[in-house]
N, C-alpha and C. Protein backbone atom coordinates (compact mmCIF):
# COMPACT_ATOMS: atom_id res chain seq x y z
N MET A 1 -25.05 86.60 -139.14
CA MET A 1 -25.71 87.95 -139.10
C MET A 1 -25.20 88.97 -137.77
N THR A 2 -24.98 90.02 -138.21
CA THR A 2 -24.42 90.89 -137.96
C THR A 2 -25.25 91.69 -136.46
N TYR A 3 -24.58 91.77 -135.41
CA TYR A 3 -25.22 92.54 -134.26
C TYR A 3 -24.65 93.92 -133.68
N GLU A 4 -25.03 94.72 -133.41
CA GLU A 4 -24.60 96.01 -132.53
C GLU A 4 -24.90 96.09 -131.33
N ILE A 5 -23.52 96.18 -130.39
CA ILE A 5 -23.69 96.20 -129.03
C ILE A 5 -23.18 97.55 -128.70
N ASN A 6 -24.71 98.62 -128.18
CA ASN A 6 -23.66 100.11 -127.67
C ASN A 6 -23.52 100.01 -126.25
N GLY A 7 -22.19 100.06 -126.15
CA GLY A 7 -21.71 100.27 -124.38
C GLY A 7 -22.29 100.89 -123.47
N GLY A 8 -23.14 101.94 -124.29
CA GLY A 8 -23.69 102.65 -122.96
C GLY A 8 -25.15 102.17 -122.92
N GLU A 9 -25.80 101.58 -123.34
CA GLU A 9 -26.63 101.07 -122.63
C GLU A 9 -26.80 99.32 -122.25
N MET A 10 -27.69 99.34 -120.90
CA MET A 10 -27.49 98.39 -120.43
C MET A 10 -28.76 97.96 -120.23
N PRO A 11 -29.62 96.85 -121.05
CA PRO A 11 -30.97 96.71 -120.43
C PRO A 11 -30.71 95.48 -119.35
N PRO A 12 -32.07 95.42 -118.74
CA PRO A 12 -32.39 94.35 -117.18
C PRO A 12 -31.76 93.54 -117.72
N LEU A 13 -31.08 92.28 -116.66
CA LEU A 13 -30.58 91.20 -117.05
C LEU A 13 -31.52 90.30 -116.96
N ASN A 14 -31.38 89.30 -118.37
CA ASN A 14 -32.15 88.36 -118.34
C ASN A 14 -31.51 86.92 -117.73
N LEU A 15 -32.36 86.51 -116.69
CA LEU A 15 -31.46 85.02 -116.08
C LEU A 15 -31.95 83.99 -117.40
N ALA A 16 -32.95 83.91 -118.26
CA ALA A 16 -33.13 82.65 -119.03
C ALA A 16 -33.25 83.25 -120.63
N PRO A 17 -32.09 83.56 -121.27
CA PRO A 17 -32.16 83.88 -122.62
C PRO A 17 -33.03 82.90 -123.33
N VAL A 18 -33.42 83.51 -124.54
CA VAL A 18 -34.42 82.32 -125.27
C VAL A 18 -33.71 81.96 -126.74
N THR A 19 -32.87 82.71 -126.43
CA THR A 19 -32.04 82.24 -127.69
C THR A 19 -30.42 82.37 -127.56
N LEU A 20 -30.10 81.88 -128.46
CA LEU A 20 -28.28 81.95 -128.38
C LEU A 20 -27.85 83.35 -128.77
N ALA A 21 -28.21 83.92 -129.49
CA ALA A 21 -28.01 85.52 -129.98
C ALA A 21 -28.20 86.15 -128.67
N GLU A 22 -29.60 86.03 -127.97
CA GLU A 22 -29.40 87.08 -126.58
C GLU A 22 -28.75 86.54 -125.66
N GLU A 23 -28.43 85.51 -125.82
CA GLU A 23 -27.29 84.98 -124.70
C GLU A 23 -25.62 85.66 -124.80
N VAL A 24 -25.45 85.63 -125.93
CA VAL A 24 -24.09 86.12 -126.11
C VAL A 24 -23.94 87.45 -126.27
N LEU A 25 -24.84 88.05 -126.72
CA LEU A 25 -25.30 89.39 -126.80
C LEU A 25 -25.18 90.19 -125.06
N GLN A 26 -26.04 89.26 -124.41
CA GLN A 26 -25.83 89.66 -123.34
C GLN A 26 -24.80 89.61 -122.49
N ASN A 27 -24.00 88.41 -122.79
CA ASN A 27 -22.39 88.24 -122.04
C ASN A 27 -21.41 89.42 -122.75
N VAL A 28 -21.44 89.89 -123.82
CA VAL A 28 -20.75 90.91 -124.29
C VAL A 28 -20.70 91.82 -123.33
N ARG A 29 -22.00 92.20 -123.48
CA ARG A 29 -22.40 93.57 -122.76
C ARG A 29 -21.90 93.69 -121.10
N MET A 30 -21.97 92.33 -120.74
CA MET A 30 -21.83 92.22 -119.21
C MET A 30 -20.25 92.32 -119.38
N ILE A 31 -19.48 91.70 -119.95
CA ILE A 31 -18.21 91.90 -120.33
C ILE A 31 -17.53 93.40 -120.05
N ILE A 32 -18.14 94.06 -121.28
CA ILE A 32 -17.59 95.51 -121.52
C ILE A 32 -18.30 96.39 -120.22
N SER A 33 -19.07 96.18 -119.39
CA SER A 33 -19.72 96.94 -118.56
C SER A 33 -18.86 96.60 -117.20
N THR A 34 -18.23 95.91 -117.13
CA THR A 34 -17.51 95.35 -115.94
C THR A 34 -16.06 96.04 -115.59
N VAL A 35 -15.78 96.51 -114.59
CA VAL A 35 -14.32 97.01 -114.60
C VAL A 35 -13.69 95.75 -113.81
N LYS A 36 -12.17 95.50 -114.50
CA LYS A 36 -11.32 94.68 -113.92
C LYS A 36 -11.32 94.70 -112.82
N TYR A 37 -10.62 93.55 -111.74
CA TYR A 37 -10.38 93.40 -110.51
C TYR A 37 -11.48 93.90 -109.85
N SER A 38 -12.99 93.83 -110.23
CA SER A 38 -14.05 94.25 -109.37
C SER A 38 -15.12 92.73 -109.38
N VAL A 39 -14.42 91.70 -109.96
CA VAL A 39 -15.18 90.17 -109.47
C VAL A 39 -14.42 89.26 -108.94
N PRO A 40 -14.75 89.30 -107.61
CA PRO A 40 -13.99 88.84 -106.50
C PRO A 40 -13.33 87.13 -107.00
N MET A 41 -13.84 86.35 -107.37
CA MET A 41 -13.16 85.34 -107.74
C MET A 41 -12.45 84.87 -109.30
N ASP A 42 -12.62 86.06 -109.94
CA ASP A 42 -12.09 86.20 -111.71
C ASP A 42 -11.90 87.79 -111.69
N ARG A 43 -10.69 87.90 -110.84
CA ARG A 43 -9.84 89.52 -111.03
C ARG A 43 -9.97 90.20 -112.54
N GLU A 44 -9.43 89.02 -113.25
CA GLU A 44 -8.86 89.63 -114.87
C GLU A 44 -10.56 89.79 -115.28
N PHE A 45 -11.57 89.26 -115.19
CA PHE A 45 -12.96 89.53 -115.75
C PHE A 45 -13.15 91.23 -115.92
N GLY A 46 -13.64 91.34 -117.19
CA GLY A 46 -13.84 92.90 -117.61
C GLY A 46 -12.74 93.66 -118.42
N ILE A 47 -13.20 94.95 -118.12
CA ILE A 47 -12.07 95.87 -119.03
C ILE A 47 -11.48 96.67 -117.73
N ASP A 48 -10.07 97.09 -118.42
CA ASP A 48 -9.19 97.53 -117.05
C ASP A 48 -9.89 99.34 -117.34
N GLY A 49 -9.98 99.77 -116.04
CA GLY A 49 -9.97 101.27 -116.19
C GLY A 49 -9.02 102.31 -115.79
N ALA A 50 -7.71 101.86 -116.39
CA ALA A 50 -6.42 102.34 -116.19
C ALA A 50 -6.56 103.85 -117.37
N VAL A 51 -7.47 103.96 -118.31
CA VAL A 51 -7.40 104.56 -119.31
C VAL A 51 -7.82 106.06 -118.63
N VAL A 52 -8.60 106.09 -117.71
CA VAL A 52 -9.13 107.39 -117.21
C VAL A 52 -8.01 108.20 -116.93
N ASP A 53 -8.33 109.80 -117.73
CA ASP A 53 -7.75 111.03 -117.77
C ASP A 53 -6.25 110.43 -118.82
N ARG A 54 -6.29 110.11 -119.30
CA ARG A 54 -5.68 109.48 -120.69
C ARG A 54 -6.05 110.33 -122.34
N PRO A 55 -4.95 110.83 -123.22
CA PRO A 55 -5.76 111.28 -124.37
C PRO A 55 -6.67 110.33 -124.97
N ILE A 56 -7.28 110.98 -125.46
CA ILE A 56 -8.53 110.21 -126.16
C ILE A 56 -8.09 109.09 -127.22
N ASN A 57 -7.06 109.58 -128.01
CA ASN A 57 -6.46 108.30 -129.32
C ASN A 57 -6.04 107.49 -128.04
N ILE A 58 -5.19 107.80 -126.96
CA ILE A 58 -4.48 106.48 -126.32
C ILE A 58 -5.36 105.52 -125.64
N ALA A 59 -6.75 106.05 -125.14
CA ALA A 59 -7.75 105.38 -124.48
C ALA A 59 -8.28 104.60 -125.45
N LYS A 60 -8.67 104.93 -126.71
CA LYS A 60 -9.42 104.24 -127.80
C LYS A 60 -8.83 102.96 -127.77
N ALA A 61 -7.15 103.22 -128.10
CA ALA A 61 -6.50 102.09 -128.78
C ALA A 61 -6.48 101.19 -127.59
N HIS A 62 -6.26 101.17 -126.49
CA HIS A 62 -6.38 100.53 -124.85
C HIS A 62 -7.50 100.00 -124.80
N LEU A 63 -8.54 100.55 -125.00
CA LEU A 63 -9.87 99.85 -124.75
C LEU A 63 -10.39 99.02 -125.96
N SER A 64 -9.87 99.49 -126.96
CA SER A 64 -10.31 98.60 -128.39
C SER A 64 -9.38 96.93 -128.09
N ASN A 65 -7.93 97.17 -127.44
CA ASN A 65 -7.58 96.11 -127.10
C ASN A 65 -7.92 95.23 -125.99
N GLU A 66 -8.51 95.85 -124.68
CA GLU A 66 -8.88 95.31 -123.68
C GLU A 66 -10.90 94.61 -124.41
N ILE A 67 -11.32 95.25 -124.87
CA ILE A 67 -12.41 94.57 -125.09
C ILE A 67 -12.32 93.74 -126.27
N PHE A 68 -11.33 93.58 -127.38
CA PHE A 68 -11.22 92.25 -127.93
C PHE A 68 -10.63 90.96 -127.44
N ASN A 69 -9.71 91.36 -126.31
CA ASN A 69 -9.30 90.27 -125.57
C ASN A 69 -10.33 89.64 -124.63
N ALA A 70 -10.68 90.70 -124.07
CA ALA A 70 -11.97 89.91 -122.80
C ALA A 70 -12.67 89.46 -123.36
N VAL A 71 -13.18 89.54 -124.62
CA VAL A 71 -14.40 88.71 -125.57
C VAL A 71 -14.00 87.65 -125.90
N ARG A 72 -12.42 88.21 -126.29
CA ARG A 72 -11.90 86.38 -126.70
C ARG A 72 -11.87 85.12 -125.61
N ARG A 73 -11.50 86.10 -124.71
CA ARG A 73 -11.33 84.89 -123.58
C ARG A 73 -12.89 84.56 -123.17
N TYR A 74 -13.59 85.24 -122.50
CA TYR A 74 -14.71 85.13 -122.00
C TYR A 74 -16.06 84.71 -122.62
N GLU A 75 -16.10 85.21 -124.10
CA GLU A 75 -17.31 84.58 -124.75
C GLU A 75 -16.77 84.55 -126.10
N PRO A 76 -15.91 83.21 -126.21
CA PRO A 76 -15.51 82.68 -127.61
C PRO A 76 -16.77 82.83 -129.03
N ARG A 77 -17.92 82.93 -128.54
CA ARG A 77 -18.81 82.48 -129.35
C ARG A 77 -19.17 83.92 -130.09
N ALA A 78 -18.54 84.70 -129.82
CA ALA A 78 -18.76 86.46 -130.25
C ALA A 78 -17.41 86.51 -130.86
N VAL A 79 -17.83 87.38 -132.46
CA VAL A 79 -16.67 87.65 -133.14
C VAL A 79 -16.80 88.66 -133.38
N ILE A 80 -15.64 89.61 -132.92
CA ILE A 80 -15.62 91.02 -132.74
C ILE A 80 -15.47 91.55 -134.55
N GLU A 81 -16.15 92.12 -135.29
CA GLU A 81 -15.88 92.86 -136.63
C GLU A 81 -15.40 94.09 -136.47
N SER A 82 -15.89 94.73 -135.37
CA SER A 82 -15.28 96.13 -135.40
C SER A 82 -15.33 97.22 -134.11
N ILE A 83 -15.23 97.80 -133.56
CA ILE A 83 -15.28 98.62 -132.51
C ILE A 83 -15.08 100.12 -132.98
N ASP A 84 -16.08 100.91 -132.79
CA ASP A 84 -15.83 102.37 -132.97
C ASP A 84 -16.41 103.16 -131.50
N PHE A 85 -16.39 104.61 -131.29
CA PHE A 85 -16.50 105.05 -130.23
C PHE A 85 -17.27 106.32 -130.30
N ASP A 86 -18.25 106.40 -129.59
CA ASP A 86 -19.02 107.82 -129.53
C ASP A 86 -18.01 108.12 -128.09
N GLY A 87 -18.36 109.78 -127.90
CA GLY A 87 -17.71 110.64 -127.53
C GLY A 87 -18.06 111.55 -126.91
N ASP A 88 -18.31 112.35 -126.14
CA ASP A 88 -18.94 113.51 -125.69
C ASP A 88 -17.59 114.54 -125.15
N GLU A 89 -18.35 115.73 -124.91
CA GLU A 89 -17.23 116.86 -124.19
C GLU A 89 -16.34 116.71 -123.07
N SER A 90 -17.34 115.91 -122.49
CA SER A 90 -16.73 115.18 -121.29
C SER A 90 -15.96 114.58 -121.26
N GLY A 91 -15.39 113.96 -122.40
CA GLY A 91 -14.31 112.87 -122.30
C GLY A 91 -14.93 111.37 -122.51
N GLN A 92 -16.02 111.09 -121.84
CA GLN A 92 -16.86 109.97 -121.80
C GLN A 92 -16.81 109.21 -122.83
N LEU A 93 -15.95 107.85 -123.31
CA LEU A 93 -16.06 107.28 -124.89
C LEU A 93 -17.02 105.86 -124.41
N THR A 94 -17.79 106.04 -125.41
CA THR A 94 -19.02 104.84 -125.36
C THR A 94 -18.71 104.23 -126.38
N PRO A 95 -18.05 102.60 -125.90
CA PRO A 95 -17.60 101.47 -127.52
C PRO A 95 -19.09 101.45 -128.01
N LYS A 96 -19.38 101.02 -129.52
CA LYS A 96 -20.09 100.44 -130.24
C LYS A 96 -19.72 99.61 -130.96
N ILE A 97 -19.86 98.04 -130.74
CA ILE A 97 -19.25 97.07 -131.29
C ILE A 97 -20.19 96.40 -132.02
N LYS A 98 -19.68 95.64 -133.21
CA LYS A 98 -20.38 94.99 -134.31
C LYS A 98 -19.89 93.34 -133.67
N VAL A 99 -20.79 92.60 -133.57
CA VAL A 99 -20.16 90.95 -133.93
C VAL A 99 -20.89 90.25 -134.70
N GLN A 100 -20.43 88.95 -134.33
CA GLN A 100 -21.15 87.92 -135.12
C GLN A 100 -20.78 86.86 -133.99
N ILE A 101 -22.04 85.91 -134.25
CA ILE A 101 -22.12 85.03 -133.38
C ILE A 101 -21.69 83.78 -134.06
N ASN A 102 -20.55 82.89 -133.44
CA ASN A 102 -20.29 81.64 -134.01
C ASN A 102 -20.81 80.83 -133.33
N GLU A 103 -21.50 79.79 -134.21
CA GLU A 103 -22.77 78.91 -133.33
C GLU A 103 -21.74 77.76 -133.78
């Protein structure tokens, strides 16, 4: 089954997810919403924020690479099928990620 994660929406943290899908999707949301170097005991966790003020095409490519690598490293049960981006006139990019769960 394919699930879609919208990077702009962060539902409240659930400390006791009921299903495997809920747990994995929450983990992926946490990975993509965390800025690299902001987690004291694991500075590599998250997505690099160095794309600020870069051209949109370069930022999309860099973010896609960061998302693929971070999810592969920190949540191997999630297999990314695709990454698309929504953007607005201010230049803010919001990732939309389609994942399957490897059980």
